[in-house]
Amino acid sequence: KKHIDARGLNDRIELVKIDAKSMSFRDGEFACVVSNSIVHHIPEPRDVMAEIHRVTAPGGVVFVRDLSRPDTEKEVDRIVALYGGEPPLDPSQRSSYDHQRMLFRDSLCAALTPDEVKALATEVGMIEADVRMTSDRHWTLTYRKPLATS
C-alpha cells in the first residue's frame, strides 16, 4: 500500500484481502490473474485454481509461480542449504535463523510438483496450461483462457 500510494497508483491498483478459495469477484472479471508463492500455503489448492480460472476473463492470462516439492530429502537439504542464508554471527539471532530455515523446509515439503499442478489445472478447465520448472525450486503455470465461443 505504501508503495502504491508513493507512486500515485491508487486509481489503478486496489489491494483487497480475500479468501482465494472463494472470491467475491464476478466470473471473468480480470484480464490477468497473478499469484506468487501462495499455493503451497493453501490446504486445498484445487479450490484456488478453480477460482483463478473462474475470475479470469475469456482471452485473459494466468500466471502462477510457486515452490516445487523436491523429489528427495537430499534435494530439500540442498535447496535449504543453498538459499537458507548464512547463520548469524550474533548467537542471540540463531533461534530465529533456525526457525526461518525450518519454515522454508516445511514450505518446500508442502509444495506441489509440476505434474500435480498440471493435473489440477486440467481438472479445473485450464486444459492448455503450460507448467514447467523455471528455477531449481519453482514451477510456473502460464495459461491464456480461450475466447468464448457461441
C-alpha atoms as a PDB file:
ATOM      1  CA  LYS A   1       0.000   0.000   0.000  1.00  0.00           C
ATOM      2  CA  LYS A   2       2.818   2.370   0.906  1.00  0.00           C
ATOM      3  CA  HIS A   3       4.500   1.849  -2.487  1.00  0.00           C
ATOM      4  CA  ILE A   4       1.207   2.170  -4.383  1.00  0.00           C
ATOM      5  CA  ASP A   5       0.495   5.442  -2.553  1.00  0.00           C
ATOM      6  CA  ALA A   6       4.029   6.756  -3.124  1.00  0.00           C
ATOM      7  CA  ARG A   7       3.766   6.151  -6.863  1.00  0.00           C
ATOM      8  CA  GLY A   8       0.279   7.601  -7.184  1.00  0.00           C
ATOM      9  CA  LEU A   9      -1.260   4.358  -8.436  1.00  0.00           C
ATOM     10  CA  ASN A  10      -4.319   4.277  -6.164  1.00  0.00           C
ATOM     11  CA  ASP A  11      -6.616   4.824  -9.142  1.00  0.00           C
ATOM     12  CA  ARG A  12      -5.167   1.736 -10.901  1.00  0.00           C
ATOM     13  CA  ILE A  13      -4.389  -0.702  -8.084  1.00  0.00           C
ATOM     14  CA  GLU A  14      -6.718  -1.783  -5.302  1.00  0.00           C
ATOM     15  CA  LEU A  15      -5.500  -4.104  -2.566  1.00  0.00           C
ATOM     16  CA  VAL A  16      -8.115  -6.497  -1.218  1.00  0.00           C
ATOM     17  CA  LYS A  17      -7.676  -9.104   1.500  1.00  0.00           C
ATOM     18  CA  ILE A  18      -9.792 -12.052   0.405  1.00  0.00           C
ATOM     19  CA  ASP A  19     -10.096 -15.829   0.670  1.00  0.00           C
ATOM     20  CA  ALA A  20      -8.501 -17.149  -2.529  1.00  0.00           C
ATOM     21  CA  LYS A  21     -10.629 -20.306  -2.321  1.00  0.00           C
ATOM     22  CA  SER A  22     -13.906 -18.390  -2.507  1.00  0.00           C
ATOM     23  CA  MET A  23     -13.519 -14.966  -4.104  1.00  0.00           C
ATOM     24  CA  SER A  24     -16.365 -12.477  -4.277  1.00  0.00           C
ATOM     25  CA  PHE A  25     -15.386 -11.312  -7.758  1.00  0.00           C
ATOM     26  CA  ARG A  26     -17.611 -11.869 -10.800  1.00  0.00           C
ATOM     27  CA  ASP A  27     -16.902 -14.641 -13.307  1.00  0.00           C
ATOM     28  CA  GLY A  28     -14.402 -13.390 -15.874  1.00  0.00           C
ATOM     29  CA  GLU A  29     -13.744 -10.129 -14.038  1.00  0.00           C
ATOM     30  CA  PHE A  30      -9.983  -9.961 -14.651  1.00  0.00           C
ATOM     31  CA  ALA A  31      -7.923  -9.825 -17.836  1.00  0.00           C
ATOM     32  CA  CYS A  32      -4.894 -11.058 -15.873  1.00  0.00           C
ATOM     33  CA  VAL A  33      -4.551 -13.117 -12.689  1.00  0.00           C
ATOM     34  CA  VAL A  34      -1.148 -13.412 -10.990  1.00  0.00           C
ATOM     35  CA  SER A  35      -0.215 -15.481  -7.948  1.00  0.00           C
ATOM     36  CA  ASN A  36       3.265 -15.700  -6.472  1.00  0.00           C
ATOM     37  CA  SER A  37       4.233 -18.201  -3.770  1.00  0.00           C
ATOM     38  CA  ILE A  38       0.822 -18.649  -2.172  1.00  0.00           C
ATOM     39  CA  VAL A  39      -0.367 -22.037  -3.436  1.00  0.00           C
ATOM     40  CA  HIS A  40       1.856 -24.088  -1.120  1.00  0.00           C
ATOM     41  CA  HIS A  41       0.238 -22.373   1.894  1.00  0.00           C
ATOM     42  CA  ILE A  42      -3.293 -23.466   0.943  1.00  0.00           C
ATOM     43  CA  PRO A  43      -4.609 -26.845   2.155  1.00  0.00           C
ATOM     44  CA  GLU A  44      -6.966 -27.292  -0.837  1.00  0.00           C
ATOM     45  CA  PRO A  45      -5.121 -25.817  -3.834  1.00  0.00           C
ATOM     46  CA  ARG A  46      -7.714 -27.194  -6.256  1.00  0.00           C
ATOM     47  CA  ASP A  47     -10.194 -24.635  -4.936  1.00  0.00           C
ATOM     48  CA  VAL A  48      -7.735 -21.798  -5.588  1.00  0.00           C
ATOM     49  CA  MET A  49      -7.015 -22.994  -9.109  1.00  0.00           C
ATOM     50  CA  ALA A  50     -10.744 -23.236  -9.829  1.00  0.00           C
ATOM     51  CA  GLU A  51     -11.271 -19.682  -8.576  1.00  0.00           C
ATOM     52  CA  ILE A  52      -8.359 -18.383 -10.630  1.00  0.00           C
ATOM     53  CA  HIS A  53      -9.903 -19.952 -13.724  1.00  0.00           C
ATOM     54  CA  ARG A  54     -13.382 -18.638 -12.863  1.00  0.00           C
ATOM     55  CA  VAL A  55     -12.360 -14.985 -12.381  1.00  0.00           C
ATOM     56  CA  THR A  56     -10.143 -14.880 -15.498  1.00  0.00           C
ATOM     57  CA  ALA A  57     -11.883 -13.295 -18.471  1.00  0.00           C
ATOM     58  CA  PRO A  58     -12.076 -15.066 -21.835  1.00  0.00           C
ATOM     59  CA  GLY A  59      -8.806 -14.221 -23.574  1.00  0.00           C
ATOM     60  CA  GLY A  60      -7.279 -13.400 -20.185  1.00  0.00           C
ATOM     61  CA  VAL A  61      -3.896 -14.535 -18.929  1.00  0.00           C
ATOM     62  CA  VAL A  62      -2.994 -16.522 -15.810  1.00  0.00           C
ATOM     63  CA  PHE A  63       0.498 -16.540 -14.285  1.00  0.00           C
ATOM     64  CA  VAL A  64       1.074 -18.618 -11.155  1.00  0.00           C
ATOM     65  CA  ARG A  65       4.511 -19.228  -9.657  1.00  0.00           C
ATOM     66  CA  ASP A  66       5.281 -21.231  -6.554  1.00  0.00           C
ATOM     67  CA  LEU A  67       7.728 -23.541  -4.866  1.00  0.00           C
ATOM     68  CA  SER A  68       8.116 -27.048  -6.234  1.00  0.00           C
ATOM     69  CA  ARG A  69       8.378 -30.038  -3.923  1.00  0.00           C
ATOM     70  CA  PRO A  70      11.749 -31.742  -4.468  1.00  0.00           C
ATOM     71  CA  ASP A  71      11.846 -35.457  -5.223  1.00  0.00           C
ATOM     72  CA  THR A  72      14.117 -36.375  -2.314  1.00  0.00           C
ATOM     73  CA  GLU A  73      15.058 -35.256   1.188  1.00  0.00           C
ATOM     74  CA  LYS A  74      18.605 -34.810  -0.099  1.00  0.00           C
ATOM     75  CA  GLU A  75      17.329 -32.270  -2.642  1.00  0.00           C
ATOM     76  CA  VAL A  76      15.321 -30.481   0.069  1.00  0.00           C
ATOM     77  CA  ASP A  77      18.513 -30.267   2.150  1.00  0.00           C
ATOM     78  CA  ARG A  78      20.473 -28.918  -0.824  1.00  0.00           C
ATOM     79  CA  ILE A  79      17.946 -26.172  -1.550  1.00  0.00           C
ATOM     80  CA  VAL A  80      17.633 -25.144   2.100  1.00  0.00           C
ATOM     81  CA  ALA A  81      21.430 -25.020   2.417  1.00  0.00           C
ATOM     82  CA  LEU A  82      21.790 -23.023  -0.802  1.00  0.00           C
ATOM     83  CA  TYR A  83      19.013 -20.470  -0.235  1.00  0.00           C
ATOM     84  CA  GLY A  84      18.533 -20.525   3.536  1.00  0.00           C
ATOM     85  CA  GLY A  85      21.210 -17.945   4.223  1.00  0.00           C
ATOM     86  CA  GLU A  86      24.250 -17.942   6.440  1.00  0.00           C
ATOM     87  CA  PRO A  87      23.998 -18.414  10.196  1.00  0.00           C
ATOM     88  CA  PRO A  88      24.046 -15.103  12.049  1.00  0.00           C
ATOM     89  CA  LEU A  89      27.193 -14.072  13.872  1.00  0.00           C
ATOM     90  CA  ASP A  90      25.114 -12.970  16.856  1.00  0.00           C
ATOM     91  CA  PRO A  91      24.193 -16.112  18.836  1.00  0.00           C
ATOM     92  CA  SER A  92      21.006 -14.438  20.085  1.00  0.00           C
ATOM     93  CA  GLN A  93      19.675 -14.494  16.500  1.00  0.00           C
ATOM     94  CA  ARG A  94      20.359 -18.195  15.938  1.00  0.00           C
ATOM     95  CA  SER A  95      16.915 -19.337  17.094  1.00  0.00           C
ATOM     96  CA  SER A  96      15.168 -17.044  14.598  1.00  0.00           C
ATOM     97  CA  TYR A  97      17.508 -18.180  11.818  1.00  0.00           C
ATOM     98  CA  ASP A  98      16.850 -21.853  12.570  1.00  0.00           C
ATOM     99  CA  HIS A  99      13.096 -21.200  12.661  1.00  0.00           C
ATOM    100  CA  GLN A 100      13.139 -19.445   9.267  1.00  0.00           C
ATOM    101  CA  ARG A 101      15.076 -22.326   7.719  1.00  0.00           C
ATOM    102  CA  MET A 102      12.587 -24.791   9.191  1.00  0.00           C
ATOM    103  CA  LEU A 103       9.704 -22.787   7.671  1.00  0.00           C
ATOM    104  CA  PHE A 104      11.463 -22.816   4.292  1.00  0.00           C
ATOM    105  CA  ARG A 105      11.955 -26.589   4.559  1.00  0.00           C
ATOM    106  CA  ASP A 106       8.286 -27.053   5.502  1.00  0.00           C
ATOM    107  CA  SER A 107       7.216 -24.912   2.539  1.00  0.00           C
ATOM    108  CA  LEU A 108       9.277 -26.993   0.136  1.00  0.00           C
ATOM    109  CA  CYS A 109       7.786 -30.196   1.530  1.00  0.00           C
ATOM    110  CA  ALA A 110       4.230 -28.785   1.333  1.00  0.00           C
ATOM    111  CA  ALA A 111       4.631 -27.578  -2.249  1.00  0.00           C
ATOM    112  CA  LEU A 112       3.141 -29.242  -5.305  1.00  0.00           C
ATOM    113  CA  THR A 113       5.132 -30.807  -8.119  1.00  0.00           C
ATOM    114  CA  PRO A 114       4.706 -29.547 -11.697  1.00  0.00           C
ATOM    115  CA  ASP A 115       2.820 -32.760 -12.568  1.00  0.00           C
ATOM    116  CA  GLU A 116       0.396 -32.186  -9.682  1.00  0.00           C
ATOM    117  CA  VAL A 117      -0.120 -28.573 -10.774  1.00  0.00           C
ATOM    118  CA  LYS A 118      -0.772 -29.616 -14.377  1.00  0.00           C
ATOM    119  CA  ALA A 119      -3.312 -32.205 -13.186  1.00  0.00           C
ATOM    120  CA  LEU A 120      -5.109 -29.597 -11.034  1.00  0.00           C
ATOM    121  CA  ALA A 121      -5.115 -27.057 -13.850  1.00  0.00           C
ATOM    122  CA  THR A 122      -6.571 -29.594 -16.255  1.00  0.00           C
ATOM    123  CA  GLU A 123      -9.178 -30.679 -13.699  1.00  0.00           C
ATOM    124  CA  VAL A 124     -10.473 -27.108 -13.267  1.00  0.00           C
ATOM    125  CA  GLY A 125     -10.602 -26.388 -17.006  1.00  0.00           C
ATOM    126  CA  MET A 126      -7.206 -24.883 -17.760  1.00  0.00           C
ATOM    127  CA  ILE A 127      -6.573 -27.673 -20.255  1.00  0.00           C
ATOM    128  CA  GLU A 128      -3.851 -25.892 -22.226  1.00  0.00           C
ATOM    129  CA  ALA A 129      -1.959 -24.584 -19.183  1.00  0.00           C
ATOM    130  CA  ASP A 130       1.805 -24.747 -19.509  1.00  0.00           C
ATOM    131  CA  VAL A 131       3.516 -25.829 -16.289  1.00  0.00           C
ATOM    132  CA  ARG A 132       7.279 -26.002 -16.134  1.00  0.00           C
ATOM    133  CA  MET A 133      10.188 -25.678 -13.759  1.00  0.00           C
ATOM    134  CA  THR A 134      11.537 -22.130 -14.004  1.00  0.00           C
ATOM    135  CA  SER A 135      14.252 -22.451 -11.357  1.00  0.00           C
ATOM    136  CA  ASP A 136      15.651 -25.255  -9.252  1.00  0.00           C
ATOM    137  CA  ARG A 137      12.888 -24.604  -6.706  1.00  0.00           C
ATOM    138  CA  HIS A 138       9.957 -23.012  -8.583  1.00  0.00           C
ATOM    139  CA  TRP A 139       7.337 -24.071 -11.088  1.00  0.00           C
ATOM    140  CA  THR A 140       5.432 -21.569 -13.202  1.00  0.00           C
ATOM    141  CA  LEU A 141       1.992 -22.040 -14.730  1.00  0.00           C
ATOM    142  CA  THR A 142       1.020 -19.864 -17.677  1.00  0.00           C
ATOM    143  CA  TYR A 143      -2.341 -20.000 -19.382  1.00  0.00           C
ATOM    144  CA  ARG A 144      -4.481 -17.971 -21.739  1.00  0.00           C
ATOM    145  CA  LYS A 145      -8.182 -18.611 -21.294  1.00  0.00           C
ATOM    146  CA  PRO A 146      -9.838 -19.279 -24.643  1.00  0.00           C
ATOM    147  CA  LEU A 147     -12.196 -16.655 -26.028  1.00  0.00           C
ATOM    148  CA  ALA A 148     -15.820 -17.532 -25.515  1.00  0.00           C
ATOM    149  CA  THR A 149     -17.397 -19.276 -28.475  1.00  0.00           C
ATOM    150  CA  SER A 150     -21.039 -19.000 -29.432  1.00  0.00           C
END
